[in-house]
């Protein structure tokens, strides 16, 4: 709950508001459902090494270190959101 308050309901990887319902469109998984992401994938799910991330962003990040995520995908997502606005369902 503390992470949710600190992150203000937004994905740590994209800044998009995450959701709590798991079901997606056509019976698939909701791409915006909140998941726990390990900041450093070499460490465990421990206090100080986790953040809340949207499922789709967490899948894209995989085992990438945060600096790789930010330098590669972060800029791409920023450009998409700047051009098209926030994703909403």
C-alpha atoms as a PDB file:
ATOM      1  CA  UNK A   1       0.000   0.000   0.000  1.00  0.00           C
ATOM      2  CA  UNK A   2       2.878   2.415   0.700  1.00  0.00           C
ATOM      3  CA  UNK A   3       4.202   1.964  -2.858  1.00  0.00           C
ATOM      4  CA  UNK A   4       0.771   2.736  -4.250  1.00  0.00           C
ATOM      5  CA  UNK A   5       0.674   5.984  -2.296  1.00  0.00           C
ATOM      6  CA  UNK A   6       4.233   6.946  -3.264  1.00  0.00           C
ATOM      7  CA  UNK A   7       3.619   6.210  -6.933  1.00  0.00           C
ATOM      8  CA  UNK A   8       0.206   7.948  -6.866  1.00  0.00           C
ATOM      9  CA  UNK A   9      -1.437   5.041  -8.710  1.00  0.00           C
ATOM     10  CA  UNK A  10       0.951   5.306 -11.674  1.00  0.00           C
ATOM     11  CA  UNK A  11       3.198   2.709 -13.271  1.00  0.00           C
ATOM     12  CA  UNK A  12       6.837   3.295 -12.281  1.00  0.00           C
ATOM     13  CA  UNK A  13       7.973   2.419 -15.817  1.00  0.00           C
ATOM     14  CA  UNK A  14       5.535   4.443 -17.922  1.00  0.00           C
ATOM     15  CA  UNK A  15       3.755   6.954 -15.694  1.00  0.00           C
ATOM     16  CA  UNK A  16       0.406   5.567 -16.912  1.00  0.00           C
ATOM     17  CA  UNK A  17      -2.318   5.018 -14.295  1.00  0.00           C
ATOM     18  CA  UNK A  18      -2.418   1.308 -13.562  1.00  0.00           C
ATOM     19  CA  UNK A  19      -5.601  -0.640 -12.895  1.00  0.00           C
ATOM     20  CA  UNK A  20      -6.580  -3.324 -10.414  1.00  0.00           C
ATOM     21  CA  UNK A  21      -8.886  -5.516 -12.492  1.00  0.00           C
ATOM     22  CA  UNK A  22      -7.131  -8.440 -14.147  1.00  0.00           C
ATOM     23  CA  UNK A  23      -9.504  -9.256 -17.016  1.00  0.00           C
ATOM     24  CA  UNK A  24      -8.706  -7.768 -20.389  1.00  0.00           C
ATOM     25  CA  UNK A  25     -10.409  -7.394 -23.715  1.00  0.00           C
ATOM     26  CA  UNK A  26     -11.678 -10.579 -25.335  1.00  0.00           C
ATOM     27  CA  UNK A  27     -10.804 -12.618 -22.240  1.00  0.00           C
ATOM     28  CA  UNK A  28      -7.110 -11.685 -22.313  1.00  0.00           C
ATOM     29  CA  UNK A  29      -5.060 -10.112 -19.564  1.00  0.00           C
ATOM     30  CA  UNK A  30      -5.544  -6.403 -18.852  1.00  0.00           C
ATOM     31  CA  UNK A  31      -2.314  -4.712 -20.061  1.00  0.00           C
ATOM     32  CA  UNK A  32      -2.663  -2.045 -17.371  1.00  0.00           C
ATOM     33  CA  UNK A  33      -3.099  -4.350 -14.380  1.00  0.00           C
ATOM     34  CA  UNK A  34      -0.687  -3.561 -11.544  1.00  0.00           C
ATOM     35  CA  UNK A  35       2.234  -5.968 -11.076  1.00  0.00           C
ATOM     36  CA  UNK A  36       5.339  -5.968  -8.891  1.00  0.00           C
ATOM     37  CA  UNK A  37       8.564  -5.262 -10.754  1.00  0.00           C
ATOM     38  CA  UNK A  38      12.038  -5.852  -9.368  1.00  0.00           C
ATOM     39  CA  UNK A  39      14.183  -2.768  -9.925  1.00  0.00           C
ATOM     40  CA  UNK A  40      17.296  -4.959  -9.977  1.00  0.00           C
ATOM     41  CA  UNK A  41      16.265  -8.328 -11.413  1.00  0.00           C
ATOM     42  CA  UNK A  42      19.317 -10.008  -9.859  1.00  0.00           C
ATOM     43  CA  UNK A  43      17.857  -9.364  -6.408  1.00  0.00           C
ATOM     44  CA  UNK A  44      14.634 -10.674  -4.920  1.00  0.00           C
ATOM     45  CA  UNK A  45      11.259  -9.131  -4.243  1.00  0.00           C
ATOM     46  CA  UNK A  46      12.398  -7.240  -1.154  1.00  0.00           C
ATOM     47  CA  UNK A  47      11.649  -3.821   0.292  1.00  0.00           C
ATOM     48  CA  UNK A  48      13.580  -1.204  -1.634  1.00  0.00           C
ATOM     49  CA  UNK A  49      13.869  -3.368  -4.758  1.00  0.00           C
ATOM     50  CA  UNK A  50      10.257  -3.395  -5.931  1.00  0.00           C
ATOM     51  CA  UNK A  51       8.004  -0.957  -7.711  1.00  0.00           C
ATOM     52  CA  UNK A  52       4.490  -1.178  -9.130  1.00  0.00           C
ATOM     53  CA  UNK A  53       4.395  -1.464 -12.915  1.00  0.00           C
ATOM     54  CA  UNK A  54       1.717  -2.092 -15.547  1.00  0.00           C
ATOM     55  CA  UNK A  55       1.782  -5.697 -16.728  1.00  0.00           C
ATOM     56  CA  UNK A  56       2.692  -4.802 -20.330  1.00  0.00           C
ATOM     57  CA  UNK A  57       5.605  -2.568 -19.276  1.00  0.00           C
ATOM     58  CA  UNK A  58       6.864  -5.143 -16.795  1.00  0.00           C
ATOM     59  CA  UNK A  59       6.845  -7.761 -19.579  1.00  0.00           C
ATOM     60  CA  UNK A  60       8.732  -5.423 -21.924  1.00  0.00           C
ATOM     61  CA  UNK A  61      11.313  -4.594 -19.264  1.00  0.00           C
ATOM     62  CA  UNK A  62      11.942  -8.231 -18.407  1.00  0.00           C
ATOM     63  CA  UNK A  63      15.400  -8.472 -16.813  1.00  0.00           C
ATOM     64  CA  UNK A  64      16.662  -5.166 -18.222  1.00  0.00           C
ATOM     65  CA  UNK A  65      18.329  -2.889 -15.679  1.00  0.00           C
ATOM     66  CA  UNK A  66      16.364   0.321 -15.064  1.00  0.00           C
ATOM     67  CA  UNK A  67      18.941   2.477 -16.860  1.00  0.00           C
ATOM     68  CA  UNK A  68      18.490   0.394 -20.035  1.00  0.00           C
ATOM     69  CA  UNK A  69      14.713   0.628 -19.739  1.00  0.00           C
ATOM     70  CA  UNK A  70      14.814   4.385 -19.288  1.00  0.00           C
ATOM     71  CA  UNK A  71      17.263   5.010 -22.123  1.00  0.00           C
ATOM     72  CA  UNK A  72      15.497   2.703 -24.607  1.00  0.00           C
ATOM     73  CA  UNK A  73      11.796   2.267 -23.937  1.00  0.00           C
ATOM     74  CA  UNK A  74      11.252   5.289 -21.719  1.00  0.00           C
ATOM     75  CA  UNK A  75      11.919   7.738 -24.541  1.00  0.00           C
ATOM     76  CA  UNK A  76       9.768   5.772 -27.004  1.00  0.00           C
ATOM     77  CA  UNK A  77       6.821   5.689 -24.591  1.00  0.00           C
ATOM     78  CA  UNK A  78       7.228   9.386 -23.827  1.00  0.00           C
ATOM     79  CA  UNK A  79       7.033  10.235 -27.538  1.00  0.00           C
ATOM     80  CA  UNK A  80       3.944   8.057 -28.021  1.00  0.00           C
ATOM     81  CA  UNK A  81       2.159   9.599 -25.045  1.00  0.00           C
ATOM     82  CA  UNK A  82       3.153  13.138 -26.080  1.00  0.00           C
ATOM     83  CA  UNK A  83       1.728  12.521 -29.546  1.00  0.00           C
ATOM     84  CA  UNK A  84      -1.384  10.523 -28.719  1.00  0.00           C
ATOM     85  CA  UNK A  85      -2.149  11.342 -25.098  1.00  0.00           C
ATOM     86  CA  UNK A  86      -2.589   8.976 -22.187  1.00  0.00           C
ATOM     87  CA  UNK A  87      -3.893   5.446 -22.750  1.00  0.00           C
ATOM     88  CA  UNK A  88      -7.310   4.960 -21.239  1.00  0.00           C
ATOM     89  CA  UNK A  89      -9.915   2.231 -21.296  1.00  0.00           C
END
